[in-house]
Amino acid sequence: MTTLGAKGRRWCIVAAVACLVSAGAFGALYTRVLTVGARLPALSLQISESEKHRGTATLLRTLASEAETSRSDLAALVIQKDAVADFIENLESAGRSIGVVVAVDSVEPRPRAASDLEELHIALHATGGWEKAARFAALLETLPIESRVLQAAFSRTGTEGGALWRADITLAALKEK
């Protein structure tokens, strides 16, 4: 059997200490890995929630910008607060350009539930030849605002220089309150 000299013993002790230190370091790292591994599901959930909130925030920003665009589009489709008289003048002017006389009988605002808009019910009549009165009624169907013809009735009124027709029309149009 071979005996170790003093130098050999020293190297064995250093090697044994190095093994013990390595085993201790390995044990500490293993414990740390287990601790981190146990927190991984919670961290994963936290990251998922963070991504969800970030996605929600992005979605809300997108919706807000689209809502701004929709509001400006909506503003173009409704009669502005102080523009009712201008709107009626435009209807009368359109009638004159077609060749009918337009008179407004009544304008009645009707509130809409939970909205900053109201619906104007405009009762009017147009008098002229049959084709012109019918053309004016058709024009009201194609106004560049949110509106609809609620009622239209045509009647023959006289024969001054030809047959005269009267179109009694009730128009509903959206207006800002």
N, C-alpha and C. Protein backbone atom coordinates (compact mmCIF):
# COMPACT_ATOMS: atom_id res chain seq x y z
N MET A 1 0.82 -1.15 0.00
CA MET A 1 0.00 0.00 0.00
C MET A 1 0.88 1.24 0.00
N THR A 2 0.36 2.22 -0.71
CA THR A 2 1.16 3.42 -0.87
C THR A 2 0.69 4.46 0.14
N THR A 3 1.59 5.12 0.72
CA THR A 3 1.23 6.15 1.68
C THR A 3 1.39 7.50 1.02
N LEU A 4 0.62 8.38 1.47
CA LEU A 4 0.67 9.73 0.93
C LEU A 4 1.66 10.55 1.74
N GLY A 5 2.31 11.37 1.04
CA GLY A 5 3.22 12.27 1.73
C GLY A 5 2.45 13.48 2.22
N ALA A 6 3.13 14.37 2.86
CA ALA A 6 2.51 15.58 3.41
C ALA A 6 1.87 16.40 2.31
N LYS A 7 2.55 16.47 1.19
CA LYS A 7 2.03 17.24 0.06
C LYS A 7 0.76 16.59 -0.49
N GLY A 8 0.70 15.33 -0.59
CA GLY A 8 -0.44 14.59 -1.11
C GLY A 8 -1.64 14.72 -0.20
N ARG A 9 -1.33 14.67 1.15
CA ARG A 9 -2.42 14.83 2.10
C ARG A 9 -3.04 16.22 1.99
N ARG A 10 -2.19 17.19 1.82
CA ARG A 10 -2.69 18.56 1.69
C ARG A 10 -3.64 18.66 0.47
N TRP A 11 -3.25 18.04 -0.63
CA TRP A 11 -4.09 18.09 -1.84
C TRP A 11 -5.38 17.30 -1.64
N CYS A 12 -5.36 16.27 -0.89
CA CYS A 12 -6.59 15.51 -0.60
C CYS A 12 -7.54 16.34 0.25
N ILE A 13 -6.96 17.03 1.24
CA ILE A 13 -7.79 17.88 2.10
C ILE A 13 -8.39 19.01 1.27
N VAL A 14 -7.58 19.64 0.41
CA VAL A 14 -8.07 20.72 -0.46
C VAL A 14 -9.16 20.19 -1.38
N ALA A 15 -8.97 18.98 -1.92
CA ALA A 15 -9.96 18.39 -2.82
C ALA A 15 -11.26 18.08 -2.06
N ALA A 16 -11.13 17.58 -0.81
CA ALA A 16 -12.31 17.25 0.00
C ALA A 16 -13.05 18.54 0.35
N VAL A 17 -12.31 19.59 0.74
CA VAL A 17 -12.95 20.87 1.06
C VAL A 17 -13.63 21.43 -0.19
N ALA A 18 -12.97 21.34 -1.33
CA ALA A 18 -13.55 21.83 -2.58
C ALA A 18 -14.84 21.06 -2.90
N CYS A 19 -14.85 19.76 -2.65
CA CYS A 19 -16.06 18.95 -2.88
C CYS A 19 -17.18 19.38 -1.95
N LEU A 20 -16.83 19.61 -0.67
CA LEU A 20 -17.85 20.05 0.29
C LEU A 20 -18.41 21.42 -0.08
N VAL A 21 -17.51 22.34 -0.48
CA VAL A 21 -17.97 23.68 -0.89
C VAL A 21 -18.85 23.56 -2.13
N SER A 22 -18.44 22.74 -3.07
CA SER A 22 -19.23 22.54 -4.30
C SER A 22 -20.59 21.94 -3.98
N ALA A 23 -20.61 20.95 -3.07
CA ALA A 23 -21.88 20.32 -2.69
C ALA A 23 -22.78 21.34 -1.99
N GLY A 24 -22.18 22.18 -1.12
CA GLY A 24 -22.96 23.22 -0.44
C GLY A 24 -23.51 24.24 -1.43
N ALA A 25 -22.67 24.66 -2.38
CA ALA A 25 -23.11 25.62 -3.41
C ALA A 25 -24.21 25.00 -4.26
N PHE A 26 -24.02 23.73 -4.64
CA PHE A 26 -25.03 23.03 -5.42
C PHE A 26 -26.35 22.96 -4.65
N GLY A 27 -26.26 22.65 -3.35
CA GLY A 27 -27.47 22.58 -2.52
C GLY A 27 -28.16 23.94 -2.43
N ALA A 28 -27.38 25.01 -2.28
CA ALA A 28 -27.96 26.36 -2.21
C ALA A 28 -28.61 26.73 -3.54
N LEU A 29 -27.93 26.43 -4.66
CA LEU A 29 -28.52 26.71 -5.98
C LEU A 29 -29.78 25.89 -6.22
N TYR A 30 -29.74 24.62 -5.79
CA TYR A 30 -30.91 23.76 -5.96
C TYR A 30 -32.10 24.31 -5.18
N THR A 31 -31.85 24.75 -3.94
CA THR A 31 -32.91 25.35 -3.12
C THR A 31 -33.44 26.61 -3.79
N ARG A 32 -32.53 27.41 -4.32
CA ARG A 32 -32.93 28.65 -5.01
C ARG A 32 -33.79 28.33 -6.24
N VAL A 33 -33.37 27.33 -7.01
CA VAL A 33 -34.13 26.92 -8.20
C VAL A 33 -35.52 26.44 -7.79
N LEU A 34 -35.61 25.66 -6.72
CA LEU A 34 -36.92 25.20 -6.25
C LEU A 34 -37.79 26.36 -5.81
N THR A 35 -37.20 27.34 -5.14
CA THR A 35 -37.95 28.52 -4.69
C THR A 35 -38.46 29.31 -5.89
N VAL A 36 -37.57 29.56 -6.86
CA VAL A 36 -37.97 30.30 -8.06
C VAL A 36 -38.99 29.50 -8.86
N GLY A 37 -38.76 28.18 -8.94
CA GLY A 37 -39.69 27.31 -9.67
C GLY A 37 -41.08 27.34 -9.06
N ALA A 38 -41.14 27.44 -7.73
CA ALA A 38 -42.44 27.50 -7.06
C ALA A 38 -43.14 28.83 -7.35
N ARG A 39 -42.36 29.88 -7.59
CA ARG A 39 -42.94 31.20 -7.89
C ARG A 39 -43.28 31.37 -9.36
N LEU A 40 -42.79 30.47 -10.23
CA LEU A 40 -43.03 30.62 -11.66
C LEU A 40 -44.50 30.69 -12.04
N PRO A 41 -45.38 29.83 -11.52
CA PRO A 41 -46.79 29.96 -11.89
C PRO A 41 -47.36 31.32 -11.50
N ALA A 42 -46.99 31.81 -10.32
CA ALA A 42 -47.48 33.12 -9.89
C ALA A 42 -46.92 34.22 -10.78
N LEU A 43 -45.65 34.14 -11.13
CA LEU A 43 -45.04 35.13 -12.03
C LEU A 43 -45.66 35.05 -13.42
N SER A 44 -45.89 33.84 -13.88
CA SER A 44 -46.52 33.66 -15.19
C SER A 44 -47.91 34.29 -15.20
N LEU A 45 -48.68 34.08 -14.14
CA LEU A 45 -50.00 34.67 -14.03
C LEU A 45 -49.91 36.19 -13.98
N GLN A 46 -48.92 36.69 -13.24
CA GLN A 46 -48.73 38.14 -13.14
C GLN A 46 -48.37 38.73 -14.51
N ILE A 47 -47.51 38.05 -15.26
CA ILE A 47 -47.15 38.51 -16.60
C ILE A 47 -48.37 38.47 -17.51
N SER A 48 -49.13 37.40 -17.42
CA SER A 48 -50.34 37.27 -18.23
C SER A 48 -51.32 38.40 -17.93
N GLU A 49 -51.52 38.69 -16.63
CA GLU A 49 -52.41 39.79 -16.25
C GLU A 49 -51.89 41.12 -16.76
N SER A 50 -50.57 41.32 -16.67
CA SER A 50 -49.96 42.56 -17.15
C SER A 50 -50.17 42.71 -18.65
N GLU A 51 -49.97 41.62 -19.38
CA GLU A 51 -50.20 41.65 -20.84
C GLU A 51 -51.67 41.93 -21.15
N LYS A 52 -52.56 41.34 -20.36
CA LYS A 52 -53.99 41.56 -20.56
C LYS A 52 -54.34 43.03 -20.33
N HIS A 53 -53.79 43.62 -19.26
CA HIS A 53 -54.04 45.03 -18.98
C HIS A 53 -53.45 45.92 -20.06
N ARG A 54 -52.25 45.55 -20.52
CA ARG A 54 -51.63 46.33 -21.59
C ARG A 54 -52.48 46.24 -22.86
N GLY A 55 -52.99 45.03 -23.15
CA GLY A 55 -53.87 44.85 -24.31
C GLY A 55 -55.16 45.63 -24.15
N THR A 56 -55.71 45.61 -22.93
CA THR A 56 -56.94 46.37 -22.66
C THR A 56 -56.70 47.86 -22.82
N ALA A 57 -55.56 48.34 -22.32
CA ALA A 57 -55.24 49.76 -22.45
C ALA A 57 -55.10 50.13 -23.92
N THR A 58 -54.45 49.29 -24.70
CA THR A 58 -54.31 49.55 -26.14
C THR A 58 -55.68 49.56 -26.80
N LEU A 59 -56.52 48.59 -26.44
CA LEU A 59 -57.86 48.52 -26.99
C LEU A 59 -58.67 49.77 -26.63
N LEU A 60 -58.55 50.21 -25.38
CA LEU A 60 -59.28 51.42 -24.96
C LEU A 60 -58.79 52.65 -25.70
N ARG A 61 -57.47 52.75 -25.92
CA ARG A 61 -56.95 53.89 -26.69
C ARG A 61 -57.48 53.85 -28.12
N THR A 62 -57.52 52.66 -28.71
CA THR A 62 -58.04 52.51 -30.07
C THR A 62 -59.52 52.88 -30.12
N LEU A 63 -60.29 52.38 -29.15
CA LEU A 63 -61.71 52.70 -29.10
C LEU A 63 -61.94 54.19 -28.92
N ALA A 64 -61.12 54.83 -28.10
CA ALA A 64 -61.27 56.27 -27.88
C ALA A 64 -61.01 57.04 -29.16
N SER A 65 -59.98 56.66 -29.91
CA SER A 65 -59.70 57.37 -31.16
C SER A 65 -60.80 57.10 -32.18
N GLU A 66 -61.30 55.86 -32.21
CA GLU A 66 -62.40 55.56 -33.13
C GLU A 66 -63.67 56.29 -32.72
N ALA A 67 -63.88 56.44 -31.42
CA ALA A 67 -65.06 57.17 -30.94
C ALA A 67 -64.97 58.63 -31.35
N GLU A 68 -63.76 59.22 -31.30
CA GLU A 68 -63.58 60.61 -31.74
C GLU A 68 -63.97 60.72 -33.21
N THR A 69 -63.49 59.77 -34.02
CA THR A 69 -63.83 59.77 -35.44
C THR A 69 -65.32 59.59 -35.62
N SER A 70 -65.91 58.68 -34.85
CA SER A 70 -67.36 58.45 -34.95
C SER A 70 -68.14 59.70 -34.55
N ARG A 71 -67.67 60.39 -33.51
CA ARG A 71 -68.35 61.62 -33.10
C ARG A 71 -68.33 62.66 -34.20
N SER A 72 -67.18 62.81 -34.87
CA SER A 72 -67.12 63.80 -35.94
C SER A 72 -67.98 63.35 -37.12
N ASP A 73 -68.01 62.03 -37.39
CA ASP A 73 -68.90 61.53 -38.44
C ASP A 73 -70.36 61.77 -38.06
N LEU A 74 -70.69 61.55 -36.79
CA LEU A 74 -72.05 61.76 -36.31
C LEU A 74 -72.45 63.22 -36.42
N ALA A 75 -71.52 64.11 -36.10
CA ALA A 75 -71.81 65.55 -36.17
C ALA A 75 -72.21 65.95 -37.58
N ALA A 76 -71.64 65.28 -38.58
CA ALA A 76 -72.00 65.59 -39.96
C ALA A 76 -73.38 65.05 -40.33
N LEU A 77 -73.91 64.11 -39.53
CA LEU A 77 -75.19 63.49 -39.86
C LEU A 77 -76.37 64.08 -39.10
N VAL A 78 -76.14 65.01 -38.20
CA VAL A 78 -77.22 65.58 -37.42
C VAL A 78 -77.27 67.09 -37.63
N ILE A 79 -78.44 67.65 -37.37
CA ILE A 79 -78.61 69.10 -37.42
C ILE A 79 -77.96 69.68 -36.16
N GLN A 80 -77.12 70.65 -36.32
CA GLN A 80 -76.45 71.26 -35.18
C GLN A 80 -77.46 72.05 -34.34
N LYS A 81 -77.11 72.33 -33.09
CA LYS A 81 -78.02 72.99 -32.14
C LYS A 81 -78.70 74.22 -32.71
N ASP A 82 -77.93 75.11 -33.27
CA ASP A 82 -78.47 76.41 -33.71
C ASP A 82 -78.71 76.47 -35.21
N ALA A 83 -78.81 75.32 -35.87
CA ALA A 83 -78.92 75.32 -37.33
C ALA A 83 -80.28 74.87 -37.85
N VAL A 84 -81.29 74.85 -37.00
CA VAL A 84 -82.62 74.40 -37.44
C VAL A 84 -83.17 75.34 -38.51
N ALA A 85 -83.06 76.64 -38.27
CA ALA A 85 -83.57 77.61 -39.25
C ALA A 85 -82.83 77.46 -40.58
N ASP A 86 -81.52 77.26 -40.53
CA ASP A 86 -80.75 77.06 -41.76
C ASP A 86 -81.19 75.79 -42.48
N PHE A 87 -81.46 74.74 -41.73
CA PHE A 87 -81.90 73.49 -42.32
C PHE A 87 -83.23 73.68 -43.04
N ILE A 88 -84.15 74.37 -42.39
CA ILE A 88 -85.47 74.62 -43.01
C ILE A 88 -85.31 75.50 -44.25
N GLU A 89 -84.46 76.51 -44.17
CA GLU A 89 -84.21 77.36 -45.34
C GLU A 89 -83.63 76.53 -46.48
N ASN A 90 -82.75 75.58 -46.16
CA ASN A 90 -82.20 74.69 -47.19
C ASN A 90 -83.28 73.83 -47.83
N LEU A 91 -84.22 73.34 -47.02
CA LEU A 91 -85.34 72.56 -47.58
C LEU A 91 -86.17 73.42 -48.53
N GLU A 92 -86.47 74.66 -48.11
CA GLU A 92 -87.26 75.56 -48.96
C GLU A 92 -86.50 75.91 -50.23
N SER A 93 -85.21 76.14 -50.12
CA SER A 93 -84.38 76.45 -51.29
C SER A 93 -84.32 75.27 -52.25
N ALA A 94 -84.18 74.05 -51.70
CA ALA A 94 -84.17 72.85 -52.55
C ALA A 94 -85.50 72.71 -53.29
N GLY A 95 -86.59 73.01 -52.58
CA GLY A 95 -87.91 72.96 -53.22
C GLY A 95 -88.01 73.96 -54.36
N ARG A 96 -87.55 75.19 -54.12
CA ARG A 96 -87.59 76.22 -55.18
C ARG A 96 -86.77 75.78 -56.39
N SER A 97 -85.60 75.18 -56.15
CA SER A 97 -84.76 74.76 -57.27
C SER A 97 -85.42 73.64 -58.08
N ILE A 98 -86.26 72.85 -57.45
CA ILE A 98 -86.98 71.79 -58.16
C ILE A 98 -88.21 72.36 -58.86
N GLY A 99 -88.78 73.42 -58.28
CA GLY A 99 -89.96 74.03 -58.89
C GLY A 99 -91.22 73.87 -58.06
N VAL A 100 -91.07 73.64 -56.75
CA VAL A 100 -92.24 73.56 -55.87
C VAL A 100 -92.11 74.63 -54.79
N VAL A 101 -93.25 75.01 -54.25
CA VAL A 101 -93.27 75.96 -53.14
C VAL A 101 -93.37 75.14 -51.86
N VAL A 102 -92.40 75.32 -50.97
CA VAL A 102 -92.35 74.55 -49.73
C VAL A 102 -92.73 75.46 -48.58
N ALA A 103 -93.62 74.99 -47.73
CA ALA A 103 -93.99 75.71 -46.52
C ALA A 103 -93.92 74.73 -45.34
N VAL A 104 -93.33 75.19 -44.25
CA VAL A 104 -93.22 74.37 -43.05
C VAL A 104 -94.43 74.66 -42.17
N ASP A 105 -95.16 73.60 -41.83
CA ASP A 105 -96.35 73.75 -40.99
C ASP A 105 -96.01 73.72 -39.50
N SER A 106 -95.09 72.84 -39.10
CA SER A 106 -94.70 72.76 -37.69
C SER A 106 -93.35 72.07 -37.55
N VAL A 107 -92.68 72.40 -36.44
CA VAL A 107 -91.42 71.76 -36.07
C VAL A 107 -91.56 71.36 -34.61
N GLU A 108 -91.49 70.06 -34.36
CA GLU A 108 -91.70 69.57 -33.00
C GLU A 108 -90.50 68.73 -32.55
N PRO A 109 -89.74 69.22 -31.55
CA PRO A 109 -88.63 68.41 -31.04
C PRO A 109 -89.15 67.29 -30.13
N ARG A 110 -88.56 66.13 -30.27
CA ARG A 110 -88.92 64.99 -29.42
C ARG A 110 -87.64 64.42 -28.83
N PRO A 111 -87.56 64.37 -27.48
CA PRO A 111 -86.33 63.88 -26.84
C PRO A 111 -86.14 62.39 -27.09
N ARG A 112 -84.88 62.00 -27.07
CA ARG A 112 -84.52 60.58 -27.17
C ARG A 112 -83.93 60.17 -25.84
N ALA A 113 -84.29 59.01 -25.37
CA ALA A 113 -83.84 58.54 -24.05
C ALA A 113 -82.32 58.39 -24.02
N ALA A 114 -81.72 58.88 -22.94
CA ALA A 114 -80.29 58.73 -22.67
C ALA A 114 -79.43 59.13 -23.86
N SER A 115 -79.71 60.29 -24.42
CA SER A 115 -78.96 60.73 -25.59
C SER A 115 -78.83 62.24 -25.57
N ASP A 116 -77.77 62.73 -26.19
CA ASP A 116 -77.64 64.17 -26.33
C ASP A 116 -78.17 64.62 -27.69
N LEU A 117 -79.03 63.79 -28.27
CA LEU A 117 -79.70 64.11 -29.52
C LEU A 117 -81.20 64.12 -29.29
N GLU A 118 -81.89 64.86 -30.13
CA GLU A 118 -83.34 64.82 -30.13
C GLU A 118 -83.79 64.66 -31.57
N GLU A 119 -85.03 64.25 -31.75
CA GLU A 119 -85.57 64.03 -33.08
C GLU A 119 -86.54 65.16 -33.39
N LEU A 120 -86.30 65.85 -34.48
CA LEU A 120 -87.22 66.90 -34.93
C LEU A 120 -88.22 66.28 -35.87
N HIS A 121 -89.50 66.52 -35.58
CA HIS A 121 -90.55 66.10 -36.51
C HIS A 121 -90.98 67.38 -37.23
N ILE A 122 -90.71 67.43 -38.52
CA ILE A 122 -90.98 68.61 -39.32
C ILE A 122 -92.13 68.27 -40.26
N ALA A 123 -93.26 68.96 -40.06
CA ALA A 123 -94.41 68.79 -40.95
C ALA A 123 -94.33 69.92 -41.98
N LEU A 124 -94.35 69.54 -43.24
CA LEU A 124 -94.26 70.54 -44.31
C LEU A 124 -95.12 70.11 -45.48
N HIS A 125 -95.34 71.06 -46.37
CA HIS A 125 -96.03 70.69 -47.60
C HIS A 125 -95.35 71.39 -48.77
N ALA A 126 -95.39 70.73 -49.90
CA ALA A 126 -94.81 71.25 -51.13
C ALA A 126 -95.91 71.25 -52.19
N THR A 127 -96.02 72.37 -52.90
CA THR A 127 -97.06 72.50 -53.92
C THR A 127 -96.40 72.75 -55.26
N GLY A 128 -96.85 72.00 -56.28
CA GLY A 128 -96.32 72.15 -57.63
C GLY A 128 -96.89 71.06 -58.51
N GLY A 129 -96.27 70.91 -59.68
CA GLY A 129 -96.70 69.83 -60.58
C GLY A 129 -96.40 68.48 -59.95
N TRP A 130 -97.10 67.45 -60.50
CA TRP A 130 -96.96 66.11 -59.94
C TRP A 130 -95.50 65.65 -59.90
N GLU A 131 -94.79 65.74 -61.05
CA GLU A 131 -93.42 65.26 -61.10
C GLU A 131 -92.52 66.01 -60.14
N LYS A 132 -92.75 67.32 -60.03
CA LYS A 132 -91.91 68.13 -59.15
C LYS A 132 -92.19 67.83 -57.68
N ALA A 133 -93.45 67.65 -57.33
CA ALA A 133 -93.80 67.33 -55.94
C ALA A 133 -93.26 65.95 -55.56
N ALA A 134 -93.39 65.00 -56.49
CA ALA A 134 -92.86 63.66 -56.23
C ALA A 134 -91.33 63.68 -56.14
N ARG A 135 -90.70 64.49 -56.98
CA ARG A 135 -89.24 64.61 -56.95
C ARG A 135 -88.77 65.22 -55.63
N PHE A 136 -89.49 66.21 -55.11
CA PHE A 136 -89.13 66.81 -53.83
C PHE A 136 -89.25 65.78 -52.70
N ALA A 137 -90.32 65.00 -52.73
CA ALA A 137 -90.49 63.95 -51.71
C ALA A 137 -89.35 62.94 -51.79
N ALA A 138 -88.95 62.58 -53.00
CA ALA A 138 -87.83 61.65 -53.17
C ALA A 138 -86.53 62.28 -52.68
N LEU A 139 -86.38 63.58 -52.88
CA LEU A 139 -85.19 64.28 -52.41
C LEU A 139 -85.06 64.19 -50.89
N LEU A 140 -86.19 64.27 -50.19
CA LEU A 140 -86.17 64.18 -48.73
C LEU A 140 -85.69 62.82 -48.25
N GLU A 141 -85.86 61.80 -49.08
CA GLU A 141 -85.39 60.46 -48.73
C GLU A 141 -83.87 60.35 -48.80
N THR A 142 -83.23 61.29 -49.50
CA THR A 142 -81.78 61.18 -49.72
C THR A 142 -81.00 62.33 -49.09
N LEU A 143 -81.54 62.95 -48.05
CA LEU A 143 -80.83 64.04 -47.39
C LEU A 143 -79.51 63.53 -46.81
N PRO A 144 -78.48 64.39 -46.77
CA PRO A 144 -77.18 63.95 -46.26
C PRO A 144 -77.09 63.93 -44.74
N ILE A 145 -78.22 63.93 -44.06
CA ILE A 145 -78.24 63.83 -42.60
C ILE A 145 -79.07 62.61 -42.23
N GLU A 146 -79.03 62.24 -40.96
CA GLU A 146 -79.81 61.10 -40.48
C GLU A 146 -81.26 61.54 -40.37
N SER A 147 -82.07 61.10 -41.34
CA SER A 147 -83.48 61.49 -41.36
C SER A 147 -84.29 60.40 -42.04
N ARG A 148 -85.60 60.51 -41.87
CA ARG A 148 -86.49 59.58 -42.56
C ARG A 148 -87.84 60.25 -42.74
N VAL A 149 -88.52 59.87 -43.80
CA VAL A 149 -89.87 60.38 -44.06
C VAL A 149 -90.82 59.50 -43.27
N LEU A 150 -91.54 60.13 -42.34
CA LEU A 150 -92.50 59.37 -41.52
C LEU A 150 -93.82 59.19 -42.24
N GLN A 151 -94.19 60.22 -42.99
CA GLN A 151 -95.49 60.17 -43.66
C GLN A 151 -95.42 61.06 -44.89
N ALA A 152 -96.06 60.61 -45.95
CA ALA A 152 -96.17 61.41 -47.18
C ALA A 152 -97.54 61.14 -47.78
N ALA A 153 -98.24 62.22 -48.08
CA ALA A 153 -99.56 62.10 -48.72
C ALA A 153 -99.63 63.12 -49.84
N PHE A 154 -100.14 62.69 -50.99
CA PHE A 154 -100.25 63.57 -52.15
C PHE A 154 -101.73 63.80 -52.44
N SER A 155 -102.05 65.05 -52.75
CA SER A 155 -103.43 65.36 -53.11
C SER A 155 -103.43 66.40 -54.22
N ARG A 156 -104.45 66.34 -55.04
CA ARG A 156 -104.59 67.30 -56.14
C ARG A 156 -105.31 68.52 -55.58
N THR A 157 -104.74 69.71 -55.84
CA THR A 157 -105.30 70.91 -55.22
C THR A 157 -105.95 71.86 -56.19
N GLY A 158 -105.62 71.84 -57.43
CA GLY A 158 -106.22 72.78 -58.37
C GLY A 158 -105.64 72.62 -59.75
N THR A 159 -106.08 73.51 -60.62
CA THR A 159 -105.61 73.42 -62.01
C THR A 159 -105.15 74.77 -62.52
N GLU A 160 -104.54 75.59 -61.69
CA GLU A 160 -104.00 76.87 -62.14
C GLU A 160 -102.87 76.62 -63.12
N GLY A 161 -103.11 76.84 -64.38
CA GLY A 161 -102.07 76.64 -65.38
C GLY A 161 -101.64 75.18 -65.46
N GLY A 162 -102.47 74.26 -65.15
CA GLY A 162 -102.14 72.83 -65.11
C GLY A 162 -102.50 72.28 -63.75
N ALA A 163 -102.43 71.01 -63.60
CA ALA A 163 -102.78 70.37 -62.34
C ALA A 163 -101.75 70.70 -61.27
N LEU A 164 -102.21 71.12 -60.11
CA LEU A 164 -101.33 71.35 -58.97
C LEU A 164 -101.51 70.22 -57.98
N TRP A 165 -100.40 69.83 -57.41
CA TRP A 165 -100.40 68.76 -56.43
C TRP A 165 -99.77 69.27 -55.14
N ARG A 166 -100.26 68.74 -54.06
CA ARG A 166 -99.71 69.10 -52.76
C ARG A 166 -99.19 67.82 -52.10
N ALA A 167 -97.94 67.89 -51.68
CA ALA A 167 -97.33 66.77 -50.96
C ALA A 167 -97.23 67.18 -49.50
N ASP A 168 -98.01 66.51 -48.64
CA ASP A 168 -97.92 66.74 -47.20
C ASP A 168 -96.96 65.69 -46.64
N ILE A 169 -95.88 66.18 -46.04
CA ILE A 169 -94.80 65.27 -45.63
C ILE A 169 -94.43 65.56 -44.18
N THR A 170 -94.23 64.50 -43.42
CA THR A 170 -93.67 64.62 -42.07
C THR A 170 -92.29 63.96 -42.12
N LEU A 171 -91.28 64.76 -41.76
CA LEU A 171 -89.90 64.34 -41.81
C LEU A 171 -89.34 64.28 -40.39
N ALA A 172 -88.62 63.24 -40.07
CA ALA A 172 -87.94 63.14 -38.78
C ALA A 172 -86.45 63.24 -39.03
N ALA A 173 -85.79 64.16 -38.31
CA ALA A 173 -84.35 64.36 -38.47
C ALA A 173 -83.71 64.49 -37.10
N LEU A 174 -82.50 63.97 -36.95
CA LEU A 174 -81.79 64.05 -35.68
C LEU A 174 -81.14 65.43 -35.52
N LYS A 175 -81.20 65.96 -34.29
CA LYS A 175 -80.65 67.27 -33.97
C LYS A 175 -79.95 67.21 -32.63
N GLU A 176 -78.86 67.96 -32.49
CA GLU A 176 -78.19 68.07 -31.19
C GLU A 176 -79.09 68.83 -30.24
N LYS A 177 -79.10 68.41 -28.96
CA LYS A 177 -79.88 69.14 -27.96
C LYS A 177 -79.20 70.43 -27.61
